[in-house]
Amino acid sequence: MSLETDYAMTRESLKGIQDESTYGGITSFMRRRYSRDLSGVDVAVLGVPFDLATTNRSGTRLGPRGIRTASASLAWENQVQGWDFSPLEELAIVDYGDCPFDAGTPEKVPEQIYQQARDILATDTALLSMGGDHFVSYPLLRAHAEKYGPLALIHFDAHSDTWEDDGERIDHGTMFYHATKQGLVVPEHSAQIGLRTYNESTMGFNIFDGPTVHEQGAAAIAQQVKSIVGDRPCYLTFDIDCLDPSFAPGTGTPVVGGLSTHQALQLLQNLRGVNLVGMDVVEVAPPYDVSEITALAGATVALQQLCLWAYCRR
């Protein structure tokens, strides 16, 4: 092991894997360098520690920190399981830090998140975001749709998040209703995976609920999703409560009967080839976690998303 430590600060190249302790140093994502200089950067990792839109237990504001901490145990591998490469070797990635906003004026937060994402995307840098509650996907989608046009959405969740809302409330259960109404996403070319709660209106989304995934298997579901999405610009959002609480207890609105981590990894790996332009992992709530298994699941999902993004550009 090199005596040079804390590559989150001292790393010279934005690519590559260095051997260092997994238990010390700054908690950057995958031990990437903290930087807001996006020159030559492929992907910026952005934390969005906002949880004022929750309808049950709060605590996801600590999600980005928890995911960063857990990710250190994944950063040393030269090849990601299920892939023949590591995105840390192929992509120039920086940890951009957290999106700044004033929680004392929550009505202004959506615009602040949108502007931060818009500024990053304007540099032709891709964005991997870490919530925070699931509402943060709404301003992120706004920024991505502005750059890429109406998006196909691949949505992993226990909930549809399309409940009707007549106003402009900040709510983590209504943002895809608004995103659809505003034309940010195209529901007929989008898929919701793992749902285990009932919403009478599908809003035109293709739904593969939890029981369907268990019955048909991850590979078969992924192939159907790929045919629905086609080659359209695609945003992938992963609410960690898509996983069963036995695999992810650290979340605000857990629902039993969910996916295993194995099924989630199979689904993500079998989605290779989609035209992924943006991605997030949300709803990790460390206060309810057990031995950091939810944070580890979130970090692993994020790493798989980076693999997907790198694969479609190889």
Protein backbone atom coordinates (compact mmCIF):
# COMPACT_ATOMS: atom_id res chain seq x y z
CA MET A 1 0.00 0.00 0.00
CA SER A 2 1.27 3.46 -0.90
CA LEU A 3 2.14 5.79 1.93
CA GLU A 4 0.40 8.51 -0.05
CA THR A 5 -3.07 8.76 1.45
CA ASP A 6 -6.41 10.48 1.06
CA TYR A 7 -6.71 10.37 -2.70
CA ALA A 8 -9.94 12.31 -2.38
CA MET A 9 -7.59 15.29 -2.10
CA THR A 10 -4.23 14.18 -3.53
CA ARG A 11 -5.26 12.16 -6.59
CA GLU A 12 -3.50 13.47 -9.72
CA SER A 13 -5.38 11.52 -12.40
CA LEU A 14 -9.19 11.46 -12.42
CA LYS A 15 -9.06 7.89 -13.68
CA GLY A 16 -7.63 4.81 -12.04
CA ILE A 17 -7.66 2.90 -8.78
CA GLN A 18 -5.13 3.36 -6.00
CA ASP A 19 -4.58 1.13 -3.00
CA GLU A 20 -5.44 2.91 0.23
CA SER A 21 -7.27 2.14 3.45
CA THR A 22 -11.03 1.81 3.23
CA TYR A 23 -11.56 3.16 6.74
CA GLY A 24 -9.68 6.47 6.69
CA GLY A 25 -9.66 9.74 4.83
CA ILE A 26 -12.35 12.03 3.49
CA THR A 27 -15.64 10.33 2.60
CA SER A 28 -15.63 11.04 -1.13
CA PHE A 29 -17.62 8.82 -3.48
CA MET A 30 -15.45 5.85 -4.53
CA ARG A 31 -12.41 7.78 -3.29
CA ARG A 32 -12.69 10.12 -6.28
CA ARG A 33 -11.10 13.55 -6.02
CA TYR A 34 -13.28 16.34 -4.62
CA SER A 35 -13.34 19.02 -7.30
CA ARG A 36 -15.58 21.59 -8.93
CA ASP A 37 -13.27 21.90 -11.90
CA LEU A 38 -15.08 19.95 -14.64
CA SER A 39 -12.38 20.29 -17.30
CA GLY A 40 -12.00 16.88 -18.92
CA VAL A 41 -14.50 15.28 -16.53
CA ASP A 42 -16.89 12.57 -17.77
CA VAL A 43 -19.12 12.26 -14.70
CA ALA A 44 -19.70 14.51 -11.70
CA VAL A 45 -21.14 12.92 -8.56
CA LEU A 46 -23.48 15.32 -6.77
CA GLY A 47 -25.02 14.90 -3.33
CA VAL A 48 -28.48 16.40 -2.78
CA PRO A 49 -29.05 16.19 1.01
CA PHE A 50 -32.71 17.27 0.97
CA ASP A 51 -35.45 15.42 2.86
CA LEU A 52 -38.18 17.99 3.51
CA ALA A 53 -40.52 16.30 1.00
CA THR A 54 -40.84 13.03 2.92
CA THR A 55 -44.26 11.68 3.90
CA ASN A 56 -43.02 9.26 6.56
CA ARG A 57 -39.62 9.08 8.26
CA SER A 58 -37.05 11.79 7.58
CA GLY A 59 -33.30 11.19 7.53
CA THR A 60 -32.38 10.95 3.86
CA ARG A 61 -30.53 14.24 4.12
CA LEU A 62 -27.75 12.03 5.48
CA GLY A 63 -27.96 9.71 2.47
CA PRO A 64 -25.14 11.22 0.39
CA ARG A 65 -22.75 11.05 3.33
CA GLY A 66 -23.75 7.46 4.09
CA ILE A 67 -23.35 6.34 0.48
CA ARG A 68 -19.95 8.02 0.22
CA THR A 69 -18.74 6.27 3.38
CA ALA A 70 -19.95 2.84 2.25
CA SER A 71 -18.50 3.31 -1.24
CA ALA A 72 -14.93 3.22 0.08
CA SER A 73 -15.18 -0.56 0.43
CA LEU A 74 -15.97 -0.84 -3.29
CA ALA A 75 -13.35 1.53 -4.66
CA TRP A 76 -10.39 -0.86 -4.75
CA GLU A 77 -11.74 -3.45 -7.20
CA ASN A 78 -10.20 -3.48 -10.67
CA GLN A 79 -13.30 -5.07 -12.20
CA VAL A 80 -16.91 -4.69 -11.12
CA GLN A 81 -18.82 -7.91 -10.60
CA GLY A 82 -21.05 -8.56 -13.62
CA TRP A 83 -18.90 -6.42 -15.94
CA ASP A 84 -15.50 -6.91 -17.59
CA PHE A 85 -14.18 -3.51 -16.49
CA SER A 86 -14.28 -0.88 -13.77
CA PRO A 87 -15.77 2.53 -14.63
CA LEU A 88 -13.21 4.05 -12.28
CA GLU A 89 -10.53 3.04 -14.78
CA GLU A 90 -12.42 4.16 -17.89
CA LEU A 91 -14.12 7.36 -16.77
CA ALA A 92 -12.81 10.65 -15.42
CA ILE A 93 -15.02 11.05 -12.34
CA VAL A 94 -15.03 13.71 -9.64
CA ASP A 95 -17.02 14.06 -6.45
CA TYR A 96 -18.56 17.50 -6.91
CA GLY A 97 -19.70 17.69 -3.30
CA ASP A 98 -23.24 18.59 -2.28
CA CYS A 99 -25.77 20.89 -3.89
CA PRO A 100 -26.04 24.09 -1.83
CA PHE A 101 -29.49 25.25 -0.76
CA ASP A 102 -31.19 26.92 2.19
CA ALA A 103 -33.47 24.42 3.97
CA GLY A 104 -35.06 27.39 5.75
CA THR A 105 -36.71 28.41 2.47
CA PRO A 106 -37.87 25.04 1.13
CA GLU A 107 -39.98 26.60 -1.62
CA LYS A 108 -36.75 27.80 -3.26
CA VAL A 109 -34.91 24.48 -3.08
CA PRO A 110 -36.28 22.90 -6.31
CA GLU A 111 -34.97 25.82 -8.36
CA GLN A 112 -31.60 25.70 -6.61
CA ILE A 113 -31.22 21.97 -7.37
CA TYR A 114 -32.29 22.55 -10.97
CA GLN A 115 -29.79 25.38 -11.45
CA GLN A 116 -26.93 23.34 -9.98
CA ALA A 117 -27.70 20.40 -12.27
CA ARG A 118 -28.18 22.70 -15.27
CA ASP A 119 -24.78 24.31 -14.69
CA ILE A 120 -23.05 20.94 -14.53
CA LEU A 121 -24.80 19.57 -17.62
CA ALA A 122 -23.93 22.74 -19.55
CA THR A 123 -20.27 21.63 -19.42
CA ASP A 124 -21.19 18.34 -21.16
CA THR A 125 -20.44 16.49 -17.94
CA ALA A 126 -22.81 13.66 -17.01
CA LEU A 127 -24.42 13.68 -13.59
CA LEU A 128 -24.78 10.93 -11.00
CA SER A 129 -26.85 12.31 -8.13
CA MET A 130 -27.34 10.94 -4.62
CA GLY A 131 -30.38 11.87 -2.54
CA GLY A 132 -31.96 12.91 -0.41
CA ASP A 133 -35.61 12.00 -0.76
CA HIS A 134 -37.04 11.10 -4.14
CA PHE A 135 -38.43 14.56 -4.80
CA VAL A 136 -34.93 15.64 -5.84
CA SER A 137 -35.37 13.67 -9.07
CA TYR A 138 -37.91 16.24 -10.26
CA PRO A 139 -35.56 19.26 -10.57
CA LEU A 140 -32.86 16.92 -11.86
CA LEU A 141 -35.24 15.70 -14.58
CA ARG A 142 -36.04 19.30 -15.48
CA ALA A 143 -32.36 19.99 -16.12
CA HIS A 144 -31.82 16.79 -18.11
CA ALA A 145 -34.96 17.23 -20.23
CA GLU A 146 -33.87 20.77 -21.04
CA LYS A 147 -30.62 19.39 -22.45
CA TYR A 148 -31.77 16.14 -24.04
CA GLY A 149 -35.49 16.63 -24.70
CA PRO A 150 -38.33 14.47 -23.32
CA LEU A 151 -36.84 11.47 -21.55
CA ALA A 152 -37.55 7.79 -21.19
CA LEU A 153 -37.59 7.04 -17.46
CA ILE A 154 -36.49 3.79 -15.83
CA HIS A 155 -37.83 4.02 -12.31
CA PHE A 156 -37.00 1.49 -9.57
CA ASP A 157 -39.29 1.95 -6.56
CA ALA A 158 -41.84 0.48 -4.18
CA HIS A 159 -44.14 3.41 -5.01
CA SER A 160 -45.32 4.93 -8.29
CA ASP A 161 -44.74 8.55 -7.16
CA THR A 162 -47.43 9.61 -9.65
CA TRP A 163 -50.18 10.52 -7.20
CA GLU A 164 -52.24 13.40 -8.52
CA ASP A 165 -51.51 16.82 -7.06
CA ASP A 166 -53.34 19.97 -8.15
CA GLY A 167 -50.84 22.36 -6.61
CA GLU A 168 -47.07 22.74 -6.59
CA ARG A 169 -46.39 21.02 -3.30
CA ILE A 170 -42.91 19.70 -2.62
CA ASP A 171 -43.74 16.03 -2.17
CA HIS A 172 -41.76 12.86 -2.90
CA GLY A 173 -44.90 11.04 -4.02
CA THR A 174 -46.09 13.37 -6.78
CA MET A 175 -43.06 14.48 -8.77
CA PHE A 176 -43.46 12.01 -11.65
CA TYR A 177 -47.08 13.11 -12.00
CA HIS A 178 -45.81 16.64 -12.57
CA ALA A 179 -42.90 15.45 -14.74
CA THR A 180 -45.34 13.62 -17.00
CA LYS A 181 -47.83 16.50 -17.17
CA GLN A 182 -44.98 18.87 -18.08
CA GLY A 183 -43.60 16.60 -20.80
CA LEU A 184 -40.28 15.93 -19.09
CA VAL A 185 -40.76 12.17 -19.42
CA VAL A 186 -42.59 10.06 -21.99
CA PRO A 187 -44.57 7.46 -20.00
CA GLU A 188 -45.27 5.09 -22.90
CA HIS A 189 -41.50 4.71 -23.34
CA SER A 190 -40.82 4.49 -19.60
CA ALA A 191 -40.90 1.68 -17.05
CA GLN A 192 -41.55 1.44 -13.32
CA ILE A 193 -39.97 -1.60 -11.67
CA GLY A 194 -40.65 -3.20 -8.29
CA LEU A 195 -43.82 -1.33 -7.29
CA ARG A 196 -45.67 -2.76 -4.29
CA THR A 197 -48.25 -0.08 -3.52
CA TYR A 198 -51.47 0.63 -5.39
CA ASN A 199 -52.21 3.69 -7.49
CA GLU A 200 -55.31 3.50 -9.65
CA SER A 201 -53.84 5.74 -12.35
CA THR A 202 -50.77 4.46 -14.19
CA MET A 203 -50.47 7.67 -16.24
CA GLY A 204 -49.42 5.48 -19.16
CA PHE A 205 -46.27 4.07 -17.53
CA ASN A 206 -45.31 0.47 -18.21
CA ILE A 207 -45.36 -1.16 -14.78
CA PHE A 208 -43.44 -4.26 -13.71
CA ASP A 209 -44.44 -4.58 -10.08
CA GLY A 210 -42.64 -6.57 -7.43
CA PRO A 211 -44.57 -9.82 -7.92
CA THR A 212 -44.02 -9.64 -11.69
CA VAL A 213 -40.26 -9.33 -11.21
CA HIS A 214 -40.30 -12.31 -8.83
CA GLU A 215 -42.36 -14.40 -11.26
CA GLN A 216 -40.68 -13.54 -14.57
CA GLY A 217 -37.11 -12.99 -13.43
CA ALA A 218 -34.75 -10.05 -13.75
CA ALA A 219 -33.34 -10.86 -17.19
CA ALA A 220 -36.78 -11.16 -18.81
CA ILE A 221 -37.97 -7.89 -17.24
CA ALA A 222 -34.83 -6.06 -18.36
CA GLN A 223 -35.32 -7.18 -21.97
CA GLN A 224 -38.89 -5.89 -21.96
CA VAL A 225 -37.76 -2.57 -20.48
CA LYS A 226 -35.06 -2.19 -23.13
CA SER A 227 -37.61 -2.71 -25.90
CA ILE A 228 -39.87 -0.07 -24.34
CA VAL A 229 -37.09 2.48 -23.93
CA GLY A 230 -35.37 1.79 -27.25
CA ASP A 231 -32.55 4.19 -28.10
CA ARG A 232 -34.21 7.24 -26.56
CA PRO A 233 -32.31 9.40 -24.05
CA CYS A 234 -32.99 7.69 -20.75
CA TYR A 235 -32.88 8.77 -17.10
CA LEU A 236 -32.51 6.03 -14.47
CA THR A 237 -33.71 6.71 -10.94
CA PHE A 238 -33.33 4.12 -8.18
CA ASP A 239 -35.29 4.55 -4.95
CA ILE A 240 -33.60 2.23 -2.47
CA ASP A 241 -36.99 1.16 -1.10
CA CYS A 242 -37.39 -0.84 -4.32
CA LEU A 243 -35.37 -3.37 -2.33
CA ASP A 244 -37.08 -5.43 0.34
CA PRO A 245 -36.53 -4.01 3.86
CA SER A 246 -34.50 -7.12 4.69
CA PHE A 247 -31.92 -5.82 2.20
CA ALA A 248 -32.46 -2.09 2.77
CA PRO A 249 -33.98 -1.23 6.16
CA GLY A 250 -32.49 2.28 6.14
CA THR A 251 -35.19 4.12 4.23
CA GLY A 252 -38.16 6.31 5.05
CA THR A 253 -41.07 4.32 3.58
CA PRO A 254 -40.14 0.61 3.55
CA VAL A 255 -42.53 -1.89 1.95
CA VAL A 256 -42.16 -5.67 2.29
CA GLY A 257 -42.07 -8.03 -0.69
CA GLY A 258 -39.43 -6.13 -2.58
CA LEU A 259 -36.47 -7.02 -4.73
CA SER A 260 -33.33 -8.61 -3.39
CA THR A 261 -30.02 -6.94 -4.03
CA HIS A 262 -29.18 -9.84 -6.36
CA GLN A 263 -32.29 -9.18 -8.47
CA ALA A 264 -31.53 -5.45 -8.60
CA LEU A 265 -27.98 -6.10 -9.80
CA GLN A 266 -29.23 -8.55 -12.43
CA LEU A 267 -31.73 -5.99 -13.69
CA LEU A 268 -29.16 -3.23 -13.91
CA GLN A 269 -26.59 -5.42 -15.63
CA ASN A 270 -29.14 -6.65 -18.17
CA LEU A 271 -30.08 -3.07 -19.05
CA ARG A 272 -26.69 -2.58 -20.69
CA GLY A 273 -27.05 -0.78 -23.98
CA VAL A 274 -29.71 1.76 -22.98
CA ASN A 275 -28.91 5.35 -23.91
CA LEU A 276 -28.38 6.51 -20.34
CA VAL A 277 -27.96 10.29 -19.97
CA GLY A 278 -28.64 10.79 -16.24
CA MET A 279 -28.97 8.76 -13.05
CA ASP A 280 -29.65 8.99 -9.35
CA VAL A 281 -29.90 6.91 -6.18
CA VAL A 282 -32.29 8.23 -3.54
CA GLU A 283 -34.02 7.57 -0.20
CA VAL A 284 -31.06 6.08 1.70
CA ALA A 285 -31.74 7.06 5.33
CA PRO A 286 -28.75 6.13 7.54
CA PRO A 287 -30.59 6.74 10.87
CA TYR A 288 -32.65 3.58 10.20
CA ASP A 289 -29.86 1.50 8.68
CA VAL A 290 -28.37 -1.68 10.14
CA SER A 291 -24.62 -2.19 9.79
CA GLU A 292 -24.66 0.22 6.81
CA ILE A 293 -26.22 -2.42 4.52
CA THR A 294 -28.60 0.10 2.94
CA ALA A 295 -25.81 2.60 2.32
CA LEU A 296 -23.73 -0.20 0.81
CA ALA A 297 -26.63 -1.17 -1.43
CA GLY A 298 -26.97 2.45 -2.53
CA ALA A 299 -23.26 2.74 -3.28
CA THR A 300 -23.34 -0.53 -5.23
CA VAL A 301 -26.34 0.60 -7.29
CA ALA A 302 -24.54 3.87 -8.06
CA LEU A 303 -21.46 1.95 -9.18
CA GLN A 304 -23.63 -0.21 -11.44
CA GLN A 305 -25.15 2.95 -12.93
CA LEU A 306 -21.66 4.19 -13.75
CA CYS A 307 -21.01 0.85 -15.46
CA LEU A 308 -24.17 1.30 -17.54
CA TRP A 309 -23.17 4.82 -18.51
CA ALA A 310 -19.64 3.75 -19.44
CA TYR A 311 -20.84 0.69 -21.38
CA CYS A 312 -23.06 2.66 -23.75
CA ARG A 313 -20.08 4.90 -24.61
CA ARG A 314 -17.43 2.24 -25.13
